[in-house]
Amino acid sequence: MAMRGGYDEHRDKGWTDVDWFIRRKGRWRRFRERVEQVAWAGSEIVEALRTAGFHHIHSTDAIAFFRGNPRIRPGYRTFYMAQR
């Protein structure tokens, strides 16, 4: 897998292009995808979840899932859990 990314200031979005190389029947196949990232404030996420009918909304710092990765620090990513 090869990844490269950047930030589009005009659209206020980050992006990552990912090239996957998967071996099938002795041959390598290449697959490509683009992942766009948008940073939302926590209050915006909670409001969107409530508007969609979710309740019991909880958030937690995602740092525990990225142990050993020096690029991810506390407060960089948050996971949300909600129930309908």
PDB file of N, CA and C in Angstrom:
ATOM      1  N   MET A   1       0.842  -1.159   0.000  1.00  0.00           N
ATOM      2  CA  MET A   1       0.000   0.000   0.000  1.00  0.00           C
ATOM      3  C   MET A   1       0.899   1.237   0.000  1.00  0.00           C
ATOM      4  N   ALA A   2       0.516   2.207  -0.805  1.00  0.00           N
ATOM      5  CA  ALA A   2       1.213   3.489  -0.830  1.00  0.00           C
ATOM      6  C   ALA A   2       0.178   4.585  -0.596  1.00  0.00           C
ATOM      7  N   MET A   3       0.525   5.524   0.282  1.00  0.00           N
ATOM      8  CA  MET A   3      -0.405   6.602   0.621  1.00  0.00           C
ATOM      9  C   MET A   3       0.269   7.957   0.428  1.00  0.00           C
ATOM     10  N   ARG A   4      -0.526   8.907  -0.016  1.00  0.00           N
ATOM     11  CA  ARG A   4      -0.057  10.289  -0.094  1.00  0.00           C
ATOM     12  C   ARG A   4      -1.278  11.178   0.063  1.00  0.00           C
ATOM     13  N   GLY A   5      -1.069  12.328   0.659  1.00  0.00           N
ATOM     14  CA  GLY A   5      -2.224  13.170   0.924  1.00  0.00           C
ATOM     15  C   GLY A   5      -1.871  14.633   1.013  1.00  0.00           C
ATOM     16  N   GLY A   6      -2.869  15.414   1.303  1.00  0.00           N
ATOM     17  CA  GLY A   6      -2.673  16.848   1.410  1.00  0.00           C
ATOM     18  C   GLY A   6      -3.924  17.511   1.934  1.00  0.00           C
ATOM     19  N   TYR A   7      -3.965  18.808   1.797  1.00  0.00           N
ATOM     20  CA  TYR A   7      -5.082  19.599   2.306  1.00  0.00           C
ATOM     21  C   TYR A   7      -5.496  20.602   1.248  1.00  0.00           C
ATOM     22  N   ASP A   8      -6.783  20.626   0.926  1.00  0.00           N
ATOM     23  CA  ASP A   8      -7.346  21.566  -0.033  1.00  0.00           C
ATOM     24  C   ASP A   8      -7.941  22.731   0.766  1.00  0.00           C
ATOM     25  N   GLU A   9      -7.218  23.810   0.852  1.00  0.00           N
ATOM     26  CA  GLU A   9      -7.633  24.949   1.682  1.00  0.00           C
ATOM     27  C   GLU A   9      -8.937  25.564   1.185  1.00  0.00           C
ATOM     28  N   HIS A  10      -9.124  25.624  -0.118  1.00  0.00           N
ATOM     29  CA  HIS A  10     -10.332  26.211  -0.690  1.00  0.00           C
ATOM     30  C   HIS A  10     -11.582  25.428  -0.281  1.00  0.00           C
ATOM     31  N   ARG A  11     -11.507  24.105  -0.252  1.00  0.00           N
ATOM     32  CA  ARG A  11     -12.643  23.243   0.127  1.00  0.00           C
ATOM     33  C   ARG A  11     -12.634  22.890   1.607  1.00  0.00           C
ATOM     34  N   ASP A  12     -11.561  23.257   2.315  1.00  0.00           N
ATOM     35  CA  ASP A  12     -11.407  22.945   3.744  1.00  0.00           C
ATOM     36  C   ASP A  12     -11.531  21.441   3.995  1.00  0.00           C
ATOM     37  N   LYS A  13     -10.839  20.665   3.149  1.00  0.00           N
ATOM     38  CA  LYS A  13     -10.859  19.206   3.281  1.00  0.00           C
ATOM     39  C   LYS A  13      -9.444  18.653   3.125  1.00  0.00           C
ATOM     40  N   GLY A  14      -9.175  17.646   3.922  1.00  0.00           N
ATOM     41  CA  GLY A  14      -7.951  16.889   3.727  1.00  0.00           C
ATOM     42  C   GLY A  14      -8.257  15.717   2.812  1.00  0.00           C
ATOM     43  N   TRP A  15      -7.243  15.156   2.215  1.00  0.00           N
ATOM     44  CA  TRP A  15      -7.437  14.000   1.348  1.00  0.00           C
ATOM     45  C   TRP A  15      -6.240  13.073   1.427  1.00  0.00           C
ATOM     46  N   THR A  16      -6.514  11.802   1.192  1.00  0.00           N
ATOM     47  CA  THR A  16      -5.461  10.800   1.119  1.00  0.00           C
ATOM     48  C   THR A  16      -5.749   9.916  -0.084  1.00  0.00           C
ATOM     49  N   ASP A  17      -4.793   9.814  -1.001  1.00  0.00           N
ATOM     50  CA  ASP A  17      -4.889   8.864  -2.099  1.00  0.00           C
ATOM     51  C   ASP A  17      -4.175   7.596  -1.667  1.00  0.00           C
ATOM     52  N   VAL A  18      -4.864   6.470  -1.811  1.00  0.00           N
ATOM     53  CA  VAL A  18      -4.314   5.184  -1.383  1.00  0.00           C
ATOM     54  C   VAL A  18      -4.244   4.265  -2.589  1.00  0.00           C
ATOM     55  N   ASP A  19      -3.068   3.723  -2.855  1.00  0.00           N
ATOM     56  CA  ASP A  19      -2.886   2.709  -3.888  1.00  0.00           C
ATOM     57  C   ASP A  19      -2.635   1.377  -3.192  1.00  0.00           C
ATOM     58  N   TRP A  20      -3.520   0.420  -3.446  1.00  0.00           N
ATOM     59  CA  TRP A  20      -3.412  -0.919  -2.861  1.00  0.00           C
ATOM     60  C   TRP A  20      -2.850  -1.851  -3.923  1.00  0.00           C
ATOM     61  N   PHE A  21      -1.937  -2.700  -3.531  1.00  0.00           N
ATOM     62  CA  PHE A  21      -1.385  -3.713  -4.427  1.00  0.00           C
ATOM     63  C   PHE A  21      -1.703  -5.071  -3.812  1.00  0.00           C
ATOM     64  N   ILE A  22      -2.579  -5.811  -4.490  1.00  0.00           N
ATOM     65  CA  ILE A  22      -3.068  -7.078  -3.963  1.00  0.00           C
ATOM     66  C   ILE A  22      -2.695  -8.191  -4.932  1.00  0.00           C
ATOM     67  N   ARG A  23      -2.102  -9.229  -4.377  1.00  0.00           N
ATOM     68  CA  ARG A  23      -1.669 -10.356  -5.202  1.00  0.00           C
ATOM     69  C   ARG A  23      -2.808 -11.360  -5.322  1.00  0.00           C
ATOM     70  N   ARG A  24      -3.165 -11.670  -6.562  1.00  0.00           N
ATOM     71  CA  ARG A  24      -4.206 -12.652  -6.850  1.00  0.00           C
ATOM     72  C   ARG A  24      -3.717 -13.578  -7.958  1.00  0.00           C
ATOM     73  N   LYS A  25      -3.745 -14.859  -7.649  1.00  0.00           N
ATOM     74  CA  LYS A  25      -3.334 -15.886  -8.616  1.00  0.00           C
ATOM     75  C   LYS A  25      -1.966 -15.580  -9.213  1.00  0.00           C
ATOM     76  N   GLY A  26      -1.036 -15.179  -8.370  1.00  0.00           N
ATOM     77  CA  GLY A  26       0.332 -14.947  -8.809  1.00  0.00           C
ATOM     78  C   GLY A  26       0.581 -13.629  -9.509  1.00  0.00           C
ATOM     79  N   ARG A  27      -0.429 -12.801  -9.630  1.00  0.00           N
ATOM     80  CA  ARG A  27      -0.261 -11.501 -10.285  1.00  0.00           C
ATOM     81  C   ARG A  27      -0.683 -10.391  -9.328  1.00  0.00           C
ATOM     82  N   TRP A  28      -0.019  -9.260  -9.453  1.00  0.00           N
ATOM     83  CA  TRP A  28      -0.347  -8.107  -8.622  1.00  0.00           C
ATOM     84  C   TRP A  28      -1.380  -7.241  -9.331  1.00  0.00           C
ATOM     85  N   ARG A  29      -2.408  -6.847  -8.574  1.00  0.00           N
ATOM     86  CA  ARG A  29      -3.414  -5.936  -9.100  1.00  0.00           C
ATOM     87  C   ARG A  29      -3.373  -4.662  -8.275  1.00  0.00           C
ATOM     88  N   ARG A  30      -3.603  -3.564  -8.960  1.00  0.00           N
ATOM     89  CA  ARG A  30      -3.560  -2.256  -8.303  1.00  0.00           C
ATOM     90  C   ARG A  30      -4.976  -1.703  -8.186  1.00  0.00           C
ATOM     91  N   PHE A  31      -5.297  -1.224  -6.990  1.00  0.00           N
ATOM     92  CA  PHE A  31      -6.578  -0.585  -6.732  1.00  0.00           C
ATOM     93  C   PHE A  31      -6.293   0.792  -6.151  1.00  0.00           C
ATOM     94  N   ARG A  32      -7.097   1.753  -6.506  1.00  0.00           N
ATOM     95  CA  ARG A  32      -6.870   3.123  -6.045  1.00  0.00           C
ATOM     96  C   ARG A  32      -8.163   3.679  -5.439  1.00  0.00           C
ATOM     97  N   GLU A  33      -7.995   4.411  -4.349  1.00  0.00           N
ATOM     98  CA  GLU A  33      -9.142   5.086  -3.763  1.00  0.00           C
ATOM     99  C   GLU A  33      -8.697   6.409  -3.158  1.00  0.00           C
ATOM    100  N   ARG A  34      -9.639   7.314  -3.053  1.00  0.00           N
ATOM    101  CA  ARG A  34      -9.385   8.605  -2.413  1.00  0.00           C
ATOM    102  C   ARG A  34     -10.274   8.702  -1.186  1.00  0.00           C
ATOM    103  N   VAL A  35      -9.667   9.082  -0.088  1.00  0.00           N
ATOM    104  CA  VAL A  35     -10.387   9.272   1.159  1.00  0.00           C
ATOM    105  C   VAL A  35     -10.320  10.759   1.491  1.00  0.00           C
ATOM    106  N   GLU A  36     -11.500  11.376   1.616  1.00  0.00           N
ATOM    107  CA  GLU A  36     -11.538  12.786   1.995  1.00  0.00           C
ATOM    108  C   GLU A  36     -11.866  12.900   3.469  1.00  0.00           C
ATOM    109  N   GLN A  37     -11.260  13.855   4.116  1.00  0.00           N
ATOM    110  CA  GLN A  37     -11.438  14.032   5.552  1.00  0.00           C
ATOM    111  C   GLN A  37     -11.895  15.453   5.841  1.00  0.00           C
ATOM    112  N   VAL A  38     -12.894  15.542   6.697  1.00  0.00           N
ATOM    113  CA  VAL A  38     -13.413  16.835   7.122  1.00  0.00           C
ATOM    114  C   VAL A  38     -13.360  16.871   8.644  1.00  0.00           C
ATOM    115  N   ALA A  39     -12.837  17.918   9.185  1.00  0.00           N
ATOM    116  CA  ALA A  39     -12.780  18.065  10.644  1.00  0.00           C
ATOM    117  C   ALA A  39     -14.029  18.807  11.108  1.00  0.00           C
ATOM    118  N   TRP A  40     -14.770  18.188  12.008  1.00  0.00           N
ATOM    119  CA  TRP A  40     -15.958  18.802  12.590  1.00  0.00           C
ATOM    120  C   TRP A  40     -15.681  19.081  14.058  1.00  0.00           C
ATOM    121  N   ALA A  41     -16.299  20.116  14.575  1.00  0.00           N
ATOM    122  CA  ALA A  41     -16.245  20.374  16.011  1.00  0.00           C
ATOM    123  C   ALA A  41     -17.107  19.328  16.702  1.00  0.00           C
ATOM    124  N   GLY A  42     -16.747  18.983  17.934  1.00  0.00           N
ATOM    125  CA  GLY A  42     -17.518  18.006  18.682  1.00  0.00           C
ATOM    126  C   GLY A  42     -18.984  18.390  18.803  1.00  0.00           C
ATOM    127  N   SER A  43     -19.248  19.659  18.987  1.00  0.00           N
ATOM    128  CA  SER A  43     -20.640  20.119  19.113  1.00  0.00           C
ATOM    129  C   SER A  43     -21.421  19.893  17.820  1.00  0.00           C
ATOM    130  N   GLU A  44     -20.771  20.031  16.671  1.00  0.00           N
ATOM    131  CA  GLU A  44     -21.422  19.784  15.382  1.00  0.00           C
ATOM    132  C   GLU A  44     -21.787  18.309  15.224  1.00  0.00           C
ATOM    133  N   ILE A  45     -20.897  17.427  15.658  1.00  0.00           N
ATOM    134  CA  ILE A  45     -21.155  15.991  15.564  1.00  0.00           C
ATOM    135  C   ILE A  45     -22.317  15.601  16.469  1.00  0.00           C
ATOM    136  N   VAL A  46     -22.299  16.073  17.701  1.00  0.00           N
ATOM    137  CA  VAL A  46     -23.377  15.756  18.645  1.00  0.00           C
ATOM    138  C   VAL A  46     -24.718  16.274  18.113  1.00  0.00           C
ATOM    139  N   GLU A  47     -24.740  17.476  17.592  1.00  0.00           N
ATOM    140  CA  GLU A  47     -25.976  18.039  17.041  1.00  0.00           C
ATOM    141  C   GLU A  47     -26.467  17.224  15.839  1.00  0.00           C
ATOM    142  N   ALA A  48     -25.563  16.815  14.957  1.00  0.00           N
ATOM    143  CA  ALA A  48     -25.951  16.002  13.793  1.00  0.00           C
ATOM    144  C   ALA A  48     -26.521  14.653  14.240  1.00  0.00           C
ATOM    145  N   LEU A  49     -25.912  14.041  15.252  1.00  0.00           N
ATOM    146  CA  LEU A  49     -26.415  12.764  15.764  1.00  0.00           C
ATOM    147  C   LEU A  49     -27.795  12.935  16.389  1.00  0.00           C
ATOM    148  N   ARG A  50     -27.975  13.985  17.163  1.00  0.00           N
ATOM    149  CA  ARG A  50     -29.293  14.239  17.776  1.00  0.00           C
ATOM    150  C   ARG A  50     -30.361  14.499  16.718  1.00  0.00           C
ATOM    151  N   THR A  51     -30.006  15.284  15.721  1.00  0.00           N
ATOM    152  CA  THR A  51     -30.939  15.586  14.629  1.00  0.00           C
ATOM    153  C   THR A  51     -31.341  14.311  13.886  1.00  0.00           C
ATOM    154  N   ALA A  52     -30.416  13.361  13.795  1.00  0.00           N
ATOM    155  CA  ALA A  52     -30.688  12.085  13.111  1.00  0.00           C
ATOM    156  C   ALA A  52     -31.437  11.101  14.009  1.00  0.00           C
ATOM    157  N   GLY A  53     -31.751  11.510  15.240  1.00  0.00           N
ATOM    158  CA  GLY A  53     -32.540  10.664  16.120  1.00  0.00           C
ATOM    159  C   GLY A  53     -31.737   9.801  17.081  1.00  0.00           C
ATOM    160  N   PHE A  54     -30.465  10.078  17.215  1.00  0.00           N
ATOM    161  CA  PHE A  54     -29.638   9.304  18.148  1.00  0.00           C
ATOM    162  C   PHE A  54     -29.676   9.927  19.546  1.00  0.00           C
ATOM    163  N   HIS A  55     -29.530   9.067  20.552  1.00  0.00           N
ATOM    164  CA  HIS A  55     -29.523   9.497  21.955  1.00  0.00           C
ATOM    165  C   HIS A  55     -28.366   8.791  22.653  1.00  0.00           C
ATOM    166  N   HIS A  56     -28.195   9.059  23.927  1.00  0.00           N
ATOM    167  CA  HIS A  56     -27.122   8.420  24.712  1.00  0.00           C
ATOM    168  C   HIS A  56     -25.789   8.541  23.966  1.00  0.00           C
ATOM    169  N   ILE A  57     -25.422   9.740  23.617  1.00  0.00           N
ATOM    170  CA  ILE A  57     -24.212  10.005  22.826  1.00  0.00           C
ATOM    171  C   ILE A  57     -23.012  10.106  23.760  1.00  0.00           C
ATOM    172  N   HIS A  58     -22.001   9.322  23.469  1.00  0.00           N
ATOM    173  CA  HIS A  58     -20.773   9.317  24.257  1.00  0.00           C
ATOM    174  C   HIS A  58     -19.578   9.495  23.313  1.00  0.00           C
ATOM    175  N   SER A  59     -18.548  10.143  23.807  1.00  0.00           N
ATOM    176  CA  SER A  59     -17.327  10.302  23.011  1.00  0.00           C
ATOM    177  C   SER A  59     -16.127   9.868  23.847  1.00  0.00           C
ATOM    178  N   THR A  60     -15.092   9.432  23.143  1.00  0.00           N
ATOM    179  CA  THR A  60     -13.843   9.045  23.804  1.00  0.00           C
ATOM    180  C   THR A  60     -12.672   9.364  22.884  1.00  0.00           C
ATOM    181  N   ASP A  61     -11.579   9.732  23.484  1.00  0.00           N
ATOM    182  CA  ASP A  61     -10.365  10.003  22.710  1.00  0.00           C
ATOM    183  C   ASP A  61      -9.895   8.698  22.077  1.00  0.00           C
ATOM    184  N   ALA A  62      -9.514   8.743  20.826  1.00  0.00           N
ATOM    185  CA  ALA A  62      -9.118   7.540  20.083  1.00  0.00           C
ATOM    186  C   ALA A  62      -7.659   7.155  20.298  1.00  0.00           C
ATOM    187  N   ILE A  63      -6.940   7.845  21.166  1.00  0.00           N
ATOM    188  CA  ILE A  63      -5.503   7.611  21.340  1.00  0.00           C
ATOM    189  C   ILE A  63      -5.183   6.159  21.669  1.00  0.00           C
ATOM    190  N   ALA A  64      -6.057   5.484  22.396  1.00  0.00           N
ATOM    191  CA  ALA A  64      -5.789   4.086  22.774  1.00  0.00           C
ATOM    192  C   ALA A  64      -5.668   3.171  21.552  1.00  0.00           C
ATOM    193  N   PHE A  65      -6.290   3.541  20.456  1.00  0.00           N
ATOM    194  CA  PHE A  65      -6.252   2.723  19.242  1.00  0.00           C
ATOM    195  C   PHE A  65      -5.031   3.023  18.373  1.00  0.00           C
ATOM    196  N   PHE A  66      -4.268   4.032  18.719  1.00  0.00           N
ATOM    197  CA  PHE A  66      -3.124   4.448  17.917  1.00  0.00           C
ATOM    198  C   PHE A  66      -1.826   4.435  18.729  1.00  0.00           C
ATOM    199  N   ARG A  67      -1.753   3.576  19.728  1.00  0.00           N
ATOM    200  CA  ARG A  67      -0.534   3.495  20.551  1.00  0.00           C
ATOM    201  C   ARG A  67       0.668   3.204  19.671  1.00  0.00           C
ATOM    202  N   GLY A  68       1.734   3.902  19.939  1.00  0.00           N
ATOM    203  CA  GLY A  68       2.962   3.687  19.186  1.00  0.00           C
ATOM    204  C   GLY A  68       3.077   4.534  17.931  1.00  0.00           C
ATOM    205  N   ASN A  69       2.025   5.243  17.559  1.00  0.00           N
ATOM    206  CA  ASN A  69       2.068   6.104  16.381  1.00  0.00           C
ATOM    207  C   ASN A  69       2.376   7.528  16.849  1.00  0.00           C
ATOM    208  N   PRO A  70       3.584   8.016  16.579  1.00  0.00           N
ATOM    209  CA  PRO A  70       3.972   9.334  17.085  1.00  0.00           C
ATOM    210  C   PRO A  70       3.204  10.491  16.439  1.00  0.00           C
ATOM    211  N   ARG A  71       2.512  10.235  15.330  1.00  0.00           N
ATOM    212  CA  ARG A  71       1.768  11.303  14.659  1.00  0.00           C
ATOM    213  C   ARG A  71       0.382  11.535  15.259  1.00  0.00           C
ATOM    214  N   ILE A  72      -0.091  10.575  16.010  1.00  0.00           N
ATOM    215  CA  ILE A  72      -1.408  10.707  16.635  1.00  0.00           C
ATOM    216  C   ILE A  72      -1.207  11.002  18.118  1.00  0.00           C
ATOM    217  N   ARG A  73      -1.716  12.120  18.547  1.00  0.00           N
ATOM    218  CA  ARG A  73      -1.568  12.541  19.936  1.00  0.00           C
ATOM    219  C   ARG A  73      -2.950  12.676  20.573  1.00  0.00           C
ATOM    220  N   PRO A  74      -3.004  12.703  21.898  1.00  0.00           N
ATOM    221  CA  PRO A  74      -4.302  12.897  22.554  1.00  0.00           C
ATOM    222  C   PRO A  74      -5.007  14.140  22.008  1.00  0.00           C
ATOM    223  N   GLY A  75      -6.293  13.983  21.727  1.00  0.00           N
ATOM    224  CA  GLY A  75      -7.085  15.092  21.207  1.00  0.00           C
ATOM    225  C   GLY A  75      -7.121  15.191  19.691  1.00  0.00           C
ATOM    226  N   TYR A  76      -6.358  14.356  18.979  1.00  0.00           N
ATOM    227  CA  TYR A  76      -6.334  14.424  17.515  1.00  0.00           C
ATOM    228  C   TYR A  76      -7.550  13.763  16.884  1.00  0.00           C
ATOM    229  N   ARG A  77      -8.033  12.672  17.482  1.00  0.00           N
ATOM    230  CA  ARG A  77      -9.189  11.938  16.947  1.00  0.00           C
ATOM    231  C   ARG A  77     -10.105  11.548  18.090  1.00  0.00           C
ATOM    232  N   THR A  78     -11.393  11.589  17.797  1.00  0.00           N
ATOM    233  CA  THR A  78     -12.392  11.222  18.802  1.00  0.00           C
ATOM    234  C   THR A  78     -13.356  10.227  18.185  1.00  0.00           C
ATOM    235  N   PHE A  79     -13.733   9.213  18.963  1.00  0.00           N
ATOM    236  CA  PHE A  79     -14.757   8.257  18.547  1.00  0.00           C
ATOM    237  C   PHE A  79     -16.060   8.618  19.247  1.00  0.00           C
ATOM    238  N   TYR A  80     -17.168   8.496  18.517  1.00  0.00           N
ATOM    239  CA  TYR A  80     -18.481   8.753  19.076  1.00  0.00           C
ATOM    240  C   TYR A  80     -19.310   7.474  19.022  1.00  0.00           C
ATOM    241  N   MET A  81     -20.096   7.257  20.065  1.00  0.00           N
ATOM    242  CA  MET A  81     -21.007   6.136  20.111  1.00  0.00           C
ATOM    243  C   MET A  81     -22.379   6.692  20.478  1.00  0.00           C
ATOM    244  N   ALA A  82     -23.391   6.248  19.727  1.00  0.00           N
ATOM    245  CA  ALA A  82     -24.743   6.743  19.981  1.00  0.00           C
ATOM    246  C   ALA A  82     -25.752   5.621  19.733  1.00  0.00           C
ATOM    247  N   GLN A  83     -26.901   5.712  20.396  1.00  0.00           N
ATOM    248  CA  GLN A  83     -27.963   4.731  20.246  1.00  0.00           C
ATOM    249  C   GLN A  83     -29.210   5.381  19.688  1.00  0.00           C
ATOM    250  N   ARG A  84     -29.972   4.591  18.961  1.00  0.00           N
ATOM    251  CA  ARG A  84     -31.284   5.044  18.492  1.00  0.00           C
ATOM    252  C   ARG A  84     -32.344   4.475  19.362  1.00  0.00           C
TER     253      ARG A  84
END
